[in-house]
Amino acid sequence: MDLPMGLSKFPGDERMASDAELDSWVKAIENVNRSTSTVFFCITPFLQCLKVMQILKQYGYPDSEILILHMEIR
């Protein structure tokens, strides 16, 4: 899932996704997910990582491991 980033660096990137949008996107994925194990790959601003983890918990993923890749902007 590729979320709006709010960094104004890419087309469609003028704002961060709302909590309701995050929830609706995860819900849409989970409506078709039939796997017994899942890797959820989400590109999002660091400020939204906690919210994404909370939403995943609501959808039955009690434990989340996050991998943070940091890009230095020069």
Protein backbone atom coordinates (compact mmCIF):
# COMPACT_ATOMS: atom_id res chain seq x y z
CA MET A 1 0.00 0.00 0.00
CA ASP A 2 1.44 3.38 -0.96
CA LEU A 3 0.01 6.23 1.08
CA PRO A 4 0.04 9.97 0.47
CA MET A 5 3.15 11.28 2.18
CA GLY A 6 2.47 14.96 2.74
CA LEU A 7 5.94 15.85 1.50
CA SER A 8 4.81 17.48 -1.78
CA LYS A 9 7.54 15.67 -3.68
CA PHE A 10 5.41 13.37 -5.88
CA PRO A 11 2.08 13.67 -7.74
CA GLY A 12 -0.74 13.14 -5.26
CA ASP A 13 1.64 13.73 -2.36
CA GLU A 14 0.26 17.00 -1.04
CA ARG A 15 -1.15 15.63 2.24
CA MET A 16 -0.98 12.76 4.72
CA ALA A 17 -3.76 10.15 4.70
CA SER A 18 -6.50 10.53 7.31
CA ASP A 19 -7.15 7.86 9.95
CA ALA A 20 -10.39 6.95 8.16
CA GLU A 21 -8.53 6.50 4.86
CA LEU A 22 -5.91 4.28 6.51
CA ASP A 23 -8.64 2.16 8.05
CA SER A 24 -10.59 1.85 4.79
CA TRP A 25 -7.48 0.76 2.86
CA VAL A 26 -6.58 -1.93 5.39
CA LYS A 27 -10.22 -3.06 5.47
CA ALA A 28 -10.25 -3.39 1.67
CA ILE A 29 -7.09 -5.53 1.78
CA GLU A 30 -8.44 -7.71 4.57
CA ASN A 31 -11.75 -8.27 2.74
CA VAL A 32 -9.85 -10.28 0.11
CA ASN A 33 -6.95 -11.63 2.21
CA ARG A 34 -7.32 -15.39 2.70
CA SER A 35 -3.73 -16.13 3.69
CA THR A 36 -2.80 -17.72 7.00
CA SER A 37 0.27 -15.47 7.19
CA THR A 38 0.56 -11.92 5.96
CA VAL A 39 3.27 -9.36 5.30
CA PHE A 40 1.83 -5.88 5.25
CA PHE A 41 4.11 -3.50 3.35
CA CYS A 42 3.21 0.13 3.85
CA ILE A 43 5.14 3.22 2.79
CA THR A 44 4.09 6.04 5.07
CA PRO A 45 5.53 9.01 6.95
CA PHE A 46 7.07 8.06 10.28
CA LEU A 47 4.39 10.11 12.07
CA GLN A 48 1.73 7.64 10.86
CA CYS A 49 3.53 4.40 11.81
CA LEU A 50 1.81 4.14 15.21
CA LYS A 51 -1.63 4.67 13.65
CA VAL A 52 -0.99 1.97 11.03
CA MET A 53 0.07 -0.45 13.78
CA GLN A 54 -3.10 0.37 15.79
CA ILE A 55 -5.30 -0.27 12.75
CA LEU A 56 -3.54 -3.57 12.03
CA LYS A 57 -4.18 -4.62 15.63
CA GLN A 58 -7.90 -3.91 15.12
CA TYR A 59 -7.86 -6.27 12.14
CA GLY A 60 -6.39 -9.17 14.07
CA TYR A 61 -2.65 -8.55 13.93
CA PRO A 62 -1.75 -8.28 17.64
CA ASP A 63 1.99 -8.03 17.03
CA SER A 64 3.68 -5.86 14.44
CA GLU A 65 7.33 -5.45 13.62
CA ILE A 66 8.21 -2.32 11.75
CA LEU A 67 11.22 -1.73 9.55
CA ILE A 68 12.14 1.91 9.18
CA LEU A 69 14.10 2.99 6.14
CA HIS A 70 15.30 6.54 6.45
CA MET A 71 16.14 8.68 3.43
CA GLU A 72 18.16 11.79 4.00
CA ILE A 73 16.82 14.66 1.92
CA ARG A 74 19.54 16.99 0.75
